[in-house]
PDB file of N, CA and C in Angstrom:
ATOM      1  N   UNK A   1      -9.614   6.662  -2.200  1.00  0.00           N
ATOM      2  CA  UNK A   1      -9.225   6.688  -4.073  1.00  0.00           C
ATOM      3  C   UNK A   1      -8.139   6.098  -2.996  1.00  0.00           C
ATOM      4  N   UNK A   2      -6.870   5.230  -3.989  1.00  0.00           N
ATOM      5  CA  UNK A   2      -5.764   4.901  -3.629  1.00  0.00           C
ATOM      6  C   UNK A   2      -4.634   5.593  -4.276  1.00  0.00           C
ATOM      7  N   UNK A   3      -3.885   5.998  -3.391  1.00  0.00           N
ATOM      8  CA  UNK A   3      -2.722   6.317  -4.929  1.00  0.00           C
ATOM      9  C   UNK A   3      -1.842   5.027  -5.224  1.00  0.00           C
ATOM     10  N   UNK A   4      -0.759   5.510  -6.542  1.00  0.00           N
ATOM     11  CA  UNK A   4      -0.791   4.533  -7.222  1.00  0.00           C
ATOM     12  C   UNK A   4       1.031   3.943  -6.987  1.00  0.00           C
ATOM     13  N   UNK A   5       1.454   3.956  -5.487  1.00  0.00           N
ATOM     14  CA  UNK A   5       2.708   3.494  -5.296  1.00  0.00           C
ATOM     15  C   UNK A   5       2.537   2.280  -4.598  1.00  0.00           C
ATOM     16  N   UNK A   6       2.899   1.454  -5.132  1.00  0.00           N
ATOM     17  CA  UNK A   6       2.868   0.016  -5.453  1.00  0.00           C
ATOM     18  C   UNK A   6       2.190  -1.210  -5.829  1.00  0.00           C
ATOM     19  N   UNK A   7       1.628  -2.026  -5.978  1.00  0.00           N
ATOM     20  CA  UNK A   7       1.044  -3.066  -6.397  1.00  0.00           C
ATOM     21  C   UNK A   7      -0.290  -4.141  -6.051  1.00  0.00           C
ATOM     22  N   UNK A   8      -0.780  -4.612  -6.377  1.00  0.00           N
ATOM     23  CA  UNK A   8      -1.681  -5.181  -5.745  1.00  0.00           C
ATOM     24  C   UNK A   8      -1.723  -6.159  -5.069  1.00  0.00           C
ATOM     25  N   UNK A   9      -0.728  -7.293  -5.789  1.00  0.00           N
ATOM     26  CA  UNK A   9      -0.467  -8.409  -5.963  1.00  0.00           C
ATOM     27  C   UNK A   9       0.871  -8.926  -6.147  1.00  0.00           C
ATOM     28  N   UNK A  10       1.222  -9.927  -4.972  1.00  0.00           N
ATOM     29  CA  UNK A  10       3.008  -9.756  -4.826  1.00  0.00           C
ATOM     30  C   UNK A  10       3.147 -11.131  -4.534  1.00  0.00           C
ATOM     31  N   UNK A  11       4.492 -11.563  -5.136  1.00  0.00           N
ATOM     32  CA  UNK A  11       4.972 -12.841  -4.757  1.00  0.00           C
ATOM     33  C   UNK A  11       5.710 -12.950  -4.121  1.00  0.00           C
ATOM     34  N   UNK A  12       6.161 -13.763  -2.917  1.00  0.00           N
ATOM     35  CA  UNK A  12       7.636 -14.185  -2.263  1.00  0.00           C
ATOM     36  C   UNK A  12       7.650 -16.065  -2.006  1.00  0.00           C
ATOM     37  N   UNK A  13       8.923 -16.326  -3.254  1.00  0.00           N
ATOM     38  CA  UNK A  13       9.130 -17.370  -3.743  1.00  0.00           C
ATOM     39  C   UNK A  13       9.607 -18.193  -2.436  1.00  0.00           C
ATOM     40  N   UNK A  14      10.628 -17.573  -2.229  1.00  0.00           N
ATOM     41  CA  UNK A  14      11.528 -18.632  -1.120  1.00  0.00           C
ATOM     42  C   UNK A  14      10.853 -17.806   0.486  1.00  0.00           C
ATOM     43  N   UNK A  15      10.191 -18.650   0.393  1.00  0.00           N
ATOM     44  CA  UNK A  15       9.884 -18.531   2.180  1.00  0.00           C
ATOM     45  C   UNK A  15      10.199 -19.838   2.710  1.00  0.00           C
ATOM     46  N   UNK A  16      10.506 -19.553   3.935  1.00  0.00           N
ATOM     47  CA  UNK A  16      11.197 -21.316   4.891  1.00  0.00           C
ATOM     48  C   UNK A  16      11.234 -20.349   6.168  1.00  0.00           C
ATOM     49  N   UNK A  17      10.877 -20.895   7.011  1.00  0.00           N
ATOM     50  CA  UNK A  17      10.231 -20.391   8.668  1.00  0.00           C
ATOM     51  C   UNK A  17      11.310 -20.862   9.597  1.00  0.00           C
ATOM     52  N   UNK A  18      12.818 -20.189   9.734  1.00  0.00           N
ATOM     53  CA  UNK A  18      13.949 -21.499  10.511  1.00  0.00           C
ATOM     54  C   UNK A  18      13.585 -21.549  12.051  1.00  0.00           C
ATOM     55  N   UNK A  19      13.688 -22.257  12.173  1.00  0.00           N
ATOM     56  CA  UNK A  19      13.573 -22.466  14.361  1.00  0.00           C
ATOM     57  C   UNK A  19      14.375 -20.941  14.731  1.00  0.00           C
ATOM     58  N   UNK A  20      14.046 -20.648  15.766  1.00  0.00           N
ATOM     59  CA  UNK A  20      14.664 -19.173  16.790  1.00  0.00           C
ATOM     60  C   UNK A  20      15.847 -19.383  17.545  1.00  0.00           C
ATOM     61  N   UNK A  21      16.622 -20.614  17.462  1.00  0.00           N
ATOM     62  CA  UNK A  21      17.893 -21.144  17.741  1.00  0.00           C
ATOM     63  C   UNK A  21      18.003 -20.498  18.889  1.00  0.00           C
ATOM     64  N   UNK A  22      19.514 -20.203  18.789  1.00  0.00           N
ATOM     65  CA  UNK A  22      20.083 -19.533  20.205  1.00  0.00           C
ATOM     66  C   UNK A  22      20.340 -18.530  20.285  1.00  0.00           C
ATOM     67  N   UNK A  23      20.723 -17.543  21.705  1.00  0.00           N
ATOM     68  CA  UNK A  23      21.180 -16.343  20.833  1.00  0.00           C
ATOM     69  C   UNK A  23      20.278 -15.256  21.630  1.00  0.00           C
ATOM     70  N   UNK A  24      20.622 -13.909  21.025  1.00  0.00           N
ATOM     71  CA  UNK A  24      19.415 -12.469  21.508  1.00  0.00           C
ATOM     72  C   UNK A  24      18.759 -12.758  20.538  1.00  0.00           C
ATOM     73  N   UNK A  25      19.189 -12.619  19.007  1.00  0.00           N
ATOM     74  CA  UNK A  25      18.610 -12.342  17.993  1.00  0.00           C
ATOM     75  C   UNK A  25      17.978 -13.837  17.577  1.00  0.00           C
ATOM     76  N   UNK A  26      16.424 -14.206  17.581  1.00  0.00           N
ATOM     77  CA  UNK A  26      15.531 -15.186  17.547  1.00  0.00           C
ATOM     78  C   UNK A  26      15.215 -15.711  15.937  1.00  0.00           C
ATOM     79  N   UNK A  27      16.216 -16.562  15.170  1.00  0.00           N
ATOM     80  CA  UNK A  27      15.503 -17.145  14.506  1.00  0.00           C
ATOM     81  C   UNK A  27      13.970 -16.558  13.696  1.00  0.00           C
ATOM     82  N   UNK A  28      13.355 -15.770  12.651  1.00  0.00           N
ATOM     83  CA  UNK A  28      12.236 -15.379  12.246  1.00  0.00           C
ATOM     84  C   UNK A  28      12.223 -14.862  10.750  1.00  0.00           C
ATOM     85  N   UNK A  29      11.135 -14.698  10.188  1.00  0.00           N
ATOM     86  CA  UNK A  29      10.597 -14.543   9.215  1.00  0.00           C
ATOM     87  C   UNK A  29       9.178 -13.448   9.127  1.00  0.00           C
ATOM     88  N   UNK A  30       9.507 -12.470   8.664  1.00  0.00           N
ATOM     89  CA  UNK A  30       8.363 -10.879   8.515  1.00  0.00           C
ATOM     90  C   UNK A  30       8.000 -10.761   6.808  1.00  0.00           C
ATOM     91  N   UNK A  31       7.230 -10.071   7.293  1.00  0.00           N
ATOM     92  CA  UNK A  31       6.765  -9.437   5.614  1.00  0.00           C
ATOM     93  C   UNK A  31       6.118  -8.104   5.962  1.00  0.00           C
ATOM     94  N   UNK A  32       7.032  -7.293   5.565  1.00  0.00           N
ATOM     95  CA  UNK A  32       7.119  -5.547   6.249  1.00  0.00           C
ATOM     96  C   UNK A  32       6.555  -4.949   4.657  1.00  0.00           C
ATOM     97  N   UNK A  33       4.412  -4.613   5.163  1.00  0.00           N
ATOM     98  CA  UNK A  33       3.918  -3.538   4.136  1.00  0.00           C
ATOM     99  C   UNK A  33       3.939  -2.027   4.129  1.00  0.00           C
ATOM    100  N   UNK A  34       3.549  -1.754   3.111  1.00  0.00           N
ATOM    101  CA  UNK A  34       3.481  -0.801   3.303  1.00  0.00           C
ATOM    102  C   UNK A  34       2.716   0.230   2.867  1.00  0.00           C
ATOM    103  N   UNK A  35       2.003   0.949   3.207  1.00  0.00           N
ATOM    104  CA  UNK A  35       0.448   1.154   2.469  1.00  0.00           C
ATOM    105  C   UNK A  35       0.965   2.919   2.701  1.00  0.00           C
ATOM    106  N   UNK A  36       0.660   4.024   1.251  1.00  0.00           N
ATOM    107  CA  UNK A  36       1.052   4.953   1.299  1.00  0.00           C
ATOM    108  C   UNK A  36       0.085   5.279   0.816  1.00  0.00           C
ATOM    109  N   UNK A  37      -1.309   5.213   0.553  1.00  0.00           N
ATOM    110  CA  UNK A  37      -2.807   5.060   0.015  1.00  0.00           C
ATOM    111  C   UNK A  37      -3.113   5.808   1.503  1.00  0.00           C
ATOM    112  N   UNK A  38      -4.480   6.393   0.917  1.00  0.00           N
ATOM    113  CA  UNK A  38      -5.482   6.950   1.894  1.00  0.00           C
ATOM    114  C   UNK A  38      -6.139   6.016   2.437  1.00  0.00           C
ATOM    115  N   UNK A  39      -6.287   4.876   1.978  1.00  0.00           N
ATOM    116  CA  UNK A  39      -7.664   4.084   2.289  1.00  0.00           C
ATOM    117  C   UNK A  39      -6.732   2.938   3.008  1.00  0.00           C
ATOM    118  N   UNK A  40      -7.301   1.677   4.278  1.00  0.00           N
ATOM    119  CA  UNK A  40      -6.969   0.780   4.800  1.00  0.00           C
ATOM    120  C   UNK A  40      -7.141  -0.367   3.586  1.00  0.00           C
ATOM    121  N   UNK A  41      -5.558  -1.009   3.447  1.00  0.00           N
ATOM    122  CA  UNK A  41      -5.126  -2.326   2.747  1.00  0.00           C
ATOM    123  C   UNK A  41      -5.871  -3.278   3.532  1.00  0.00           C
ATOM    124  N   UNK A  42      -6.673  -3.880   2.531  1.00  0.00           N
ATOM    125  CA  UNK A  42      -7.026  -5.269   3.688  1.00  0.00           C
ATOM    126  C   UNK A  42      -7.020  -6.432   2.138  1.00  0.00           C
ATOM    127  N   UNK A  43      -5.469  -7.339   2.626  1.00  0.00           N
ATOM    128  CA  UNK A  43      -4.748  -8.286   1.933  1.00  0.00           C
ATOM    129  C   UNK A  43      -5.420  -9.583   2.528  1.00  0.00           C
ATOM    130  N   UNK A  44      -5.326 -10.338   1.248  1.00  0.00           N
ATOM    131  CA  UNK A  44      -5.829 -11.676   1.498  1.00  0.00           C
ATOM    132  C   UNK A  44      -4.333 -12.471   1.151  1.00  0.00           C
ATOM    133  N   UNK A  45      -4.276 -13.087   1.951  1.00  0.00           N
ATOM    134  CA  UNK A  45      -2.558 -14.413   2.001  1.00  0.00           C
ATOM    135  C   UNK A  45      -2.957 -15.126   1.692  1.00  0.00           C
ATOM    136  N   UNK A  46      -1.838 -15.873   0.247  1.00  0.00           N
ATOM    137  CA  UNK A  46      -2.249 -17.281   0.169  1.00  0.00           C
ATOM    138  C   UNK A  46      -0.682 -18.086   0.300  1.00  0.00           C
ATOM    139  N   UNK A  47      -0.794 -19.262   1.451  1.00  0.00           N
ATOM    140  CA  UNK A  47       0.339 -19.850   1.073  1.00  0.00           C
ATOM    141  C   UNK A  47       0.311 -20.889   0.125  1.00  0.00           C
ATOM    142  N   UNK A  48       1.216 -21.692  -0.590  1.00  0.00           N
ATOM    143  CA  UNK A  48       1.598 -22.727  -1.032  1.00  0.00           C
ATOM    144  C   UNK A  48       2.838 -22.988  -0.888  1.00  0.00           C
ATOM    145  N   UNK A  49       2.695 -24.729  -0.808  1.00  0.00           N
ATOM    146  CA  UNK A  49       3.513 -25.793  -0.455  1.00  0.00           C
ATOM    147  C   UNK A  49       3.509 -27.059  -1.575  1.00  0.00           C
ATOM    148  N   UNK A  50       4.591 -27.782  -1.272  1.00  0.00           N
ATOM    149  CA  UNK A  50       5.268 -28.666  -2.078  1.00  0.00           C
ATOM    150  C   UNK A  50       4.584 -29.741  -2.073  1.00  0.00           C
ATOM    151  N   UNK A  51       4.022 -29.887  -0.681  1.00  0.00           N
ATOM    152  CA  UNK A  51       3.360 -31.227  -0.437  1.00  0.00           C
ATOM    153  C   UNK A  51       1.707 -31.459  -0.125  1.00  0.00           C
ATOM    154  N   UNK A  52       0.925 -30.111  -0.322  1.00  0.00           N
ATOM    155  CA  UNK A  52       0.417 -29.813   0.238  1.00  0.00           C
ATOM    156  C   UNK A  52      -0.515 -29.147   0.153  1.00  0.00           C
ATOM    157  N   UNK A  53      -2.396 -29.041  -0.405  1.00  0.00           N
ATOM    158  CA  UNK A  53      -2.431 -27.626  -0.756  1.00  0.00           C
ATOM    159  C   UNK A  53      -2.285 -26.415  -0.374  1.00  0.00           C
ATOM    160  N   UNK A  54      -2.694 -25.291  -1.177  1.00  0.00           N
ATOM    161  CA  UNK A  54      -2.679 -23.994  -0.030  1.00  0.00           C
ATOM    162  C   UNK A  54      -3.494 -23.557   0.884  1.00  0.00           C
ATOM    163  N   UNK A  55      -2.971 -22.465   1.132  1.00  0.00           N
ATOM    164  CA  UNK A  55      -3.799 -23.314   2.712  1.00  0.00           C
ATOM    165  C   UNK A  55      -4.268 -20.955   2.378  1.00  0.00           C
ATOM    166  N   UNK A  56      -5.406 -20.798   2.462  1.00  0.00           N
ATOM    167  CA  UNK A  56      -5.599 -19.325   2.189  1.00  0.00           C
ATOM    168  C   UNK A  56      -6.795 -18.756   3.272  1.00  0.00           C
ATOM    169  N   UNK A  57      -6.679 -18.706   3.983  1.00  0.00           N
ATOM    170  CA  UNK A  57      -7.340 -18.150   5.446  1.00  0.00           C
ATOM    171  C   UNK A  57      -6.706 -16.904   6.315  1.00  0.00           C
ATOM    172  N   UNK A  58      -5.863 -16.582   5.834  1.00  0.00           N
ATOM    173  CA  UNK A  58      -5.363 -15.435   6.395  1.00  0.00           C
ATOM    174  C   UNK A  58      -6.085 -14.097   5.805  1.00  0.00           C
ATOM    175  N   UNK A  59      -6.214 -13.174   6.171  1.00  0.00           N
ATOM    176  CA  UNK A  59      -6.337 -11.530   6.346  1.00  0.00           C
ATOM    177  C   UNK A  59      -5.069 -10.679   7.143  1.00  0.00           C
ATOM    178  N   UNK A  60      -4.985  -9.566   6.455  1.00  0.00           N
ATOM    179  CA  UNK A  60      -4.117  -8.405   6.452  1.00  0.00           C
ATOM    180  C   UNK A  60      -4.765  -7.715   6.641  1.00  0.00           C
ATOM    181  N   UNK A  61      -4.714  -6.168   7.208  1.00  0.00           N
ATOM    182  CA  UNK A  61      -4.458  -4.988   7.748  1.00  0.00           C
ATOM    183  C   UNK A  61      -3.671  -4.190   8.139  1.00  0.00           C
ATOM    184  N   UNK A  62      -3.864  -3.480   6.658  1.00  0.00           N
ATOM    185  CA  UNK A  62      -2.279  -2.398   6.969  1.00  0.00           C
ATOM    186  C   UNK A  62      -3.173  -1.113   7.033  1.00  0.00           C
ATOM    187  N   UNK A  63      -3.305  -0.217   8.241  1.00  0.00           N
ATOM    188  CA  UNK A  63      -3.852   1.154   8.017  1.00  0.00           C
ATOM    189  C   UNK A  63      -3.225   2.006   7.038  1.00  0.00           C
ATOM    190  N   UNK A  64      -4.073   3.074   6.327  1.00  0.00           N
ATOM    191  CA  UNK A  64      -4.291   4.085   5.477  1.00  0.00           C
ATOM    192  C   UNK A  64      -2.702   4.914   5.866  1.00  0.00           C
ATOM    193  N   UNK A  65      -2.192   4.941   5.380  1.00  0.00           N
ATOM    194  CA  UNK A  65      -0.349   5.793   5.542  1.00  0.00           C
ATOM    195  C   UNK A  65       0.727   5.291   6.892  1.00  0.00           C
ATOM    196  N   UNK A  66       0.117   3.729   6.940  1.00  0.00           N
ATOM    197  CA  UNK A  66       1.034   3.226   7.838  1.00  0.00           C
ATOM    198  C   UNK A  66       2.281   1.726   7.360  1.00  0.00           C
ATOM    199  N   UNK A  67       2.928   1.093   7.778  1.00  0.00           N
ATOM    200  CA  UNK A  67       3.526   0.414   8.027  1.00  0.00           C
ATOM    201  C   UNK A  67       3.258  -0.500   9.195  1.00  0.00           C
ATOM    202  N   UNK A  68       3.515  -1.984   8.095  1.00  0.00           N
ATOM    203  CA  UNK A  68       3.037  -3.196   9.300  1.00  0.00           C
ATOM    204  C   UNK A  68       4.169  -4.230   9.070  1.00  0.00           C
ATOM    205  N   UNK A  69       4.490  -4.594  10.207  1.00  0.00           N
ATOM    206  CA  UNK A  69       5.024  -6.030  10.318  1.00  0.00           C
ATOM    207  C   UNK A  69       4.154  -7.188  10.139  1.00  0.00           C
ATOM    208  N   UNK A  70       4.604  -8.165   9.638  1.00  0.00           N
ATOM    209  CA  UNK A  70       3.856  -9.615   9.467  1.00  0.00           C
ATOM    210  C   UNK A  70       4.849 -10.666  10.425  1.00  0.00           C
ATOM    211  N   UNK A  71       5.303 -11.358  11.148  1.00  0.00           N
ATOM    212  CA  UNK A  71       5.632 -12.164  11.684  1.00  0.00           C
ATOM    213  C   UNK A  71       5.071 -13.358  11.240  1.00  0.00           C
ATOM    214  N   UNK A  72       5.906 -14.293  10.663  1.00  0.00           N
ATOM    215  CA  UNK A  72       4.916 -15.962  10.491  1.00  0.00           C
ATOM    216  C   UNK A  72       5.123 -16.494  11.318  1.00  0.00           C
ATOM    217  N   UNK A  73       5.999 -16.140  12.352  1.00  0.00           N
ATOM    218  CA  UNK A  73       5.814 -17.292  13.209  1.00  0.00           C
ATOM    219  C   UNK A  73       4.817 -16.748  14.698  1.00  0.00           C
ATOM    220  N   UNK A  74       4.566 -15.591  14.426  1.00  0.00           N
ATOM    221  CA  UNK A  74       3.560 -15.440  15.635  1.00  0.00           C
ATOM    222  C   UNK A  74       1.922 -15.833  15.104  1.00  0.00           C
ATOM    223  N   UNK A  75       1.865 -16.702  15.944  1.00  0.00           N
ATOM    224  CA  UNK A  75       0.405 -17.048  15.249  1.00  0.00           C
ATOM    225  C   UNK A  75      -1.121 -15.812  15.572  1.00  0.00           C
ATOM    226  N   UNK A  76      -0.821 -15.317  15.961  1.00  0.00           N
ATOM    227  CA  UNK A  76      -2.183 -14.395  15.782  1.00  0.00           C
ATOM    228  C   UNK A  76      -1.700 -13.684  14.284  1.00  0.00           C
ATOM    229  N   UNK A  77      -0.551 -13.258  13.733  1.00  0.00           N
ATOM    230  CA  UNK A  77      -0.656 -12.591  12.988  1.00  0.00           C
ATOM    231  C   UNK A  77      -0.829 -14.027  11.488  1.00  0.00           C
ATOM    232  N   UNK A  78      -0.699 -14.609  11.543  1.00  0.00           N
ATOM    233  CA  UNK A  78      -1.049 -15.715  10.758  1.00  0.00           C
ATOM    234  C   UNK A  78      -2.578 -16.476  10.388  1.00  0.00           C
ATOM    235  N   UNK A  79      -2.951 -15.715  11.878  1.00  0.00           N
ATOM    236  CA  UNK A  79      -4.754 -15.531  12.312  1.00  0.00           C
ATOM    237  C   UNK A  79      -5.236 -17.301  11.936  1.00  0.00           C
ATOM    238  N   UNK A  80      -4.215 -18.047  12.937  1.00  0.00           N
ATOM    239  CA  UNK A  80      -4.446 -19.395  13.842  1.00  0.00           C
ATOM    240  C   UNK A  80      -3.735 -20.016  13.159  1.00  0.00           C
ATOM    241  N   UNK A  81      -2.984 -20.252  11.982  1.00  0.00           N
ATOM    242  CA  UNK A  81      -2.237 -21.142  10.848  1.00  0.00           C
ATOM    243  C   UNK A  81      -0.859 -21.007  11.521  1.00  0.00           C
ATOM    244  N   UNK A  82      -0.230 -21.979  12.459  1.00  0.00           N
ATOM    245  CA  UNK A  82       0.361 -22.377  12.654  1.00  0.00           C
ATOM    246  C   UNK A  82       1.699 -22.827  11.248  1.00  0.00           C
ATOM    247  N   UNK A  83       2.919 -22.319  11.058  1.00  0.00           N
ATOM    248  CA  UNK A  83       3.756 -21.852   9.567  1.00  0.00           C
ATOM    249  C   UNK A  83       4.394 -23.421  10.390  1.00  0.00           C
ATOM    250  N   UNK A  84       4.949 -24.360   9.018  1.00  0.00           N
ATOM    251  CA  UNK A  84       6.001 -25.148  10.061  1.00  0.00           C
ATOM    252  C   UNK A  84       7.391 -24.755   9.465  1.00  0.00           C
ATOM    253  N   UNK A  85       7.977 -25.713  10.949  1.00  0.00           N
ATOM    254  CA  UNK A  85       9.813 -24.700  10.750  1.00  0.00           C
ATOM    255  C   UNK A  85      10.239 -25.494   8.995  1.00  0.00           C
ATOM    256  N   UNK A  86      11.293 -24.937   9.026  1.00  0.00           N
ATOM    257  CA  UNK A  86      12.109 -25.319   8.421  1.00  0.00           C
ATOM    258  C   UNK A  86      11.526 -26.514   6.850  1.00  0.00           C
ATOM    259  N   UNK A  87      10.687 -26.017   6.148  1.00  0.00           N
ATOM    260  CA  UNK A  87       9.592 -26.225   5.240  1.00  0.00           C
ATOM    261  C   UNK A  87       9.737 -24.888   4.427  1.00  0.00           C
ATOM    262  N   UNK A  88      10.305 -25.086   2.872  1.00  0.00           N
ATOM    263  CA  UNK A  88       9.898 -24.586   1.694  1.00  0.00           C
ATOM    264  C   UNK A  88       7.943 -23.853   1.409  1.00  0.00           C
ATOM    265  N   UNK A  89       8.077 -22.599   0.951  1.00  0.00           N
ATOM    266  CA  UNK A  89       6.927 -22.410   0.741  1.00  0.00           C
ATOM    267  C   UNK A  89       6.614 -21.082   0.226  1.00  0.00           C
ATOM    268  N   UNK A  90       5.604 -20.554  -0.293  1.00  0.00           N
ATOM    269  CA  UNK A  90       5.616 -19.612  -0.914  1.00  0.00           C
ATOM    270  C   UNK A  90       4.468 -19.021  -0.624  1.00  0.00           C
ATOM    271  N   UNK A  91       4.692 -17.244  -0.606  1.00  0.00           N
ATOM    272  CA  UNK A  91       3.712 -16.173  -0.454  1.00  0.00           C
ATOM    273  C   UNK A  91       2.832 -15.358  -0.990  1.00  0.00           C
ATOM    274  N   UNK A  92       1.765 -15.703  -1.665  1.00  0.00           N
ATOM    275  CA  UNK A  92       0.778 -14.640  -2.376  1.00  0.00           C
ATOM    276  C   UNK A  92      -0.319 -13.501  -1.532  1.00  0.00           C
ATOM    277  N   UNK A  93       0.388 -12.347  -2.391  1.00  0.00           N
ATOM    278  CA  UNK A  93      -0.452 -10.970  -1.218  1.00  0.00           C
ATOM    279  C   UNK A  93      -1.359 -11.223  -2.150  1.00  0.00           C
ATOM    280  N   UNK A  94      -2.581 -10.693  -2.273  1.00  0.00           N
ATOM    281  CA  UNK A  94      -3.100  -9.926  -2.961  1.00  0.00           C
ATOM    282  C   UNK A  94      -4.207  -8.743  -1.873  1.00  0.00           C
ATOM    283  N   UNK A  95      -3.638  -7.367  -2.103  1.00  0.00           N
ATOM    284  CA  UNK A  95      -4.623  -6.409  -1.790  1.00  0.00           C
ATOM    285  C   UNK A  95      -5.481  -5.709  -2.236  1.00  0.00           C
ATOM    286  N   UNK A  96      -6.376  -4.952  -1.577  1.00  0.00           N
ATOM    287  CA  UNK A  96      -7.664  -4.296  -2.720  1.00  0.00           C
ATOM    288  C   UNK A  96      -6.888  -2.363  -3.550  1.00  0.00           C
ATOM    289  N   UNK A  97      -6.007  -2.316  -2.445  1.00  0.00           N
ATOM    290  CA  UNK A  97      -5.525  -0.964  -3.239  1.00  0.00           C
ATOM    291  C   UNK A  97      -3.620  -1.804  -3.226  1.00  0.00           C
ATOM    292  N   UNK A  98      -2.564  -0.306  -3.943  1.00  0.00           N
ATOM    293  CA  UNK A  98      -1.840  -0.537  -4.018  1.00  0.00           C
ATOM    294  C   UNK A  98      -0.859  -0.418  -2.942  1.00  0.00           C
ATOM    295  N   UNK A  99       0.118  -1.337  -2.375  1.00  0.00           N
ATOM    296  CA  UNK A  99       1.028  -1.427  -1.402  1.00  0.00           C
ATOM    297  C   UNK A  99       2.662  -1.993  -1.499  1.00  0.00           C
ATOM    298  N   UNK A 100       3.060  -1.625  -0.986  1.00  0.00           N
ATOM    299  CA  UNK A 100       5.090  -2.283  -1.270  1.00  0.00           C
ATOM    300  C   UNK A 100       5.103  -3.520  -0.185  1.00  0.00           C
ATOM    301  N   UNK A 101       6.019  -4.502  -0.921  1.00  0.00           N
ATOM    302  CA  UNK A 101       6.428  -5.613   0.545  1.00  0.00           C
ATOM    303  C   UNK A 101       7.492  -5.813   0.899  1.00  0.00           C
ATOM    304  N   UNK A 102       8.254  -6.103   1.445  1.00  0.00           N
ATOM    305  CA  UNK A 102       9.213  -6.283   1.445  1.00  0.00           C
ATOM    306  C   UNK A 102       9.475  -7.750   2.527  1.00  0.00           C
ATOM    307  N   UNK A 103      10.272  -8.494   1.788  1.00  0.00           N
ATOM    308  CA  UNK A 103      10.262 -10.144   3.132  1.00  0.00           C
ATOM    309  C   UNK A 103      11.730  -9.875   4.167  1.00  0.00           C
ATOM    310  N   UNK A 104      11.647 -10.266   5.193  1.00  0.00           N
ATOM    311  CA  UNK A 104      12.578 -10.791   5.613  1.00  0.00           C
ATOM    312  C   UNK A 104      13.365 -11.909   6.642  1.00  0.00           C
ATOM    313  N   UNK A 105      14.449 -12.792   6.714  1.00  0.00           N
ATOM    314  CA  UNK A 105      14.465 -13.537   7.320  1.00  0.00           C
ATOM    315  C   UNK A 105      15.677 -13.618   7.721  1.00  0.00           C
ATOM    316  N   UNK A 106      15.499 -14.023   9.425  1.00  0.00           N
ATOM    317  CA  UNK A 106      17.152 -14.248   9.842  1.00  0.00           C
ATOM    318  C   UNK A 106      16.732 -15.598  10.686  1.00  0.00           C
ATOM    319  N   UNK A 107      17.814 -16.261   9.973  1.00  0.00           N
ATOM    320  CA  UNK A 107      18.193 -17.452  10.624  1.00  0.00           C
ATOM    321  C   UNK A 107      20.104 -17.828  10.592  1.00  0.00           C
ATOM    322  N   UNK A 108      19.091 -18.088  12.097  1.00  0.00           N
ATOM    323  CA  UNK A 108      20.976 -18.633  12.913  1.00  0.00           C
ATOM    324  C   UNK A 108      20.959 -19.744  13.916  1.00  0.00           C
ATOM    325  N   UNK A 109      21.043 -20.697  12.465  1.00  0.00           N
ATOM    326  CA  UNK A 109      21.086 -22.211  12.730  1.00  0.00           C
ATOM    327  C   UNK A 109      22.178 -22.466  12.691  1.00  0.00           C
ATOM    328  N   UNK A 110      23.453 -21.333  12.697  1.00  0.00           N
ATOM    329  CA  UNK A 110      24.754 -22.084  12.520  1.00  0.00           C
ATOM    330  C   UNK A 110      25.367 -20.678  13.357  1.00  0.00           C
ATOM    331  N   UNK A 111      26.541 -20.672  13.277  1.00  0.00           N
ATOM    332  CA  UNK A 111      27.220 -19.833  14.342  1.00  0.00           C
ATOM    333  C   UNK A 111      27.331 -18.372  13.165  1.00  0.00           C
ATOM    334  N   UNK A 112      27.289 -18.155  12.195  1.00  0.00           N
ATOM    335  CA  UNK A 112      27.642 -17.139  11.405  1.00  0.00           C
ATOM    336  C   UNK A 112      25.878 -17.164  11.115  1.00  0.00           C
ATOM    337  N   UNK A 113      24.660 -16.102  11.528  1.00  0.00           N
ATOM    338  CA  UNK A 113      23.324 -15.917  11.579  1.00  0.00           C
ATOM    339  C   UNK A 113      24.106 -15.285  10.313  1.00  0.00           C
ATOM    340  N   UNK A 114      22.688 -15.865   9.603  1.00  0.00           N
ATOM    341  CA  UNK A 114      22.416 -15.547   8.020  1.00  0.00           C
ATOM    342  C   UNK A 114      20.704 -14.320   8.074  1.00  0.00           C
ATOM    343  N   UNK A 115      21.008 -13.197   7.502  1.00  0.00           N
ATOM    344  CA  UNK A 115      19.940 -12.443   7.918  1.00  0.00           C
ATOM    345  C   UNK A 115      19.942 -11.355   6.436  1.00  0.00           C
ATOM    346  N   UNK A 116      18.454 -11.588   5.411  1.00  0.00           N
ATOM    347  CA  UNK A 116      18.077 -11.154   4.307  1.00  0.00           C
ATOM    348  C   UNK A 116      17.539 -10.578   4.052  1.00  0.00           C
ATOM    349  N   UNK A 117      17.033  -9.833   3.189  1.00  0.00           N
ATOM    350  CA  UNK A 117      15.339  -9.000   3.001  1.00  0.00           C
ATOM    351  C   UNK A 117      15.578  -8.549   1.645  1.00  0.00           C
ATOM    352  N   UNK A 118      14.662  -8.890   1.049  1.00  0.00           N
ATOM    353  CA  UNK A 118      14.254  -8.568  -0.171  1.00  0.00           C
ATOM    354  C   UNK A 118      13.099  -7.441  -0.915  1.00  0.00           C
ATOM    355  N   UNK A 119      12.297  -7.569  -1.777  1.00  0.00           N
ATOM    356  CA  UNK A 119      11.609  -7.192  -2.308  1.00  0.00           C
ATOM    357  C   UNK A 119      10.650  -8.317  -2.599  1.00  0.00           C
ATOM    358  N   UNK A 120       9.789  -8.525  -2.720  1.00  0.00           N
ATOM    359  CA  UNK A 120       8.441  -9.321  -3.246  1.00  0.00           C
ATOM    360  C   UNK A 120       8.566  -8.955  -4.795  1.00  0.00           C
ATOM    361  N   UNK A 121       8.136 -10.158  -5.606  1.00  0.00           N
ATOM    362  CA  UNK A 121       8.477 -10.055  -6.469  1.00  0.00           C
ATOM    363  C   UNK A 121       6.143  -9.359  -7.045  1.00  0.00           C
ATOM    364  N   UNK A 122       6.573  -8.423  -8.197  1.00  0.00           N
ATOM    365  CA  UNK A 122       4.554  -8.302  -8.571  1.00  0.00           C
ATOM    366  C   UNK A 122       5.453  -8.197 -10.197  1.00  0.00           C
ATOM    367  N   UNK A 123       3.546  -7.899 -10.280  1.00  0.00           N
ATOM    368  CA  UNK A 123       4.136  -7.620 -11.640  1.00  0.00           C
ATOM    369  C   UNK A 123       3.666  -5.873 -12.003  1.00  0.00           C
TER     370      UNK A 123
END
């Protein structure tokens, strides 16, 4: 049985994978998922692009009572899909149980690196 903390459908509208850049902190995007339920969360990921069809063959699992970070620059995390650098896209996550989703991006393509995190959108 799933607890009611979180939601089953999430949208991250402003995704854009930055290049790694230089320095110790490498540019990246991450999607952090918290599963506070007592069942494993099985998550389907859909990527939306401006100039091509959506991509839907990404599946993630977050064990019950765990947190997991998925990196969009990690081809294993993306189930073999190579996310293009510096391309605006959006992401939809659909889970079998309630989850909480946070998005983060580190962009160090300029001297003053930019890092931000935000909760995804849900209804």
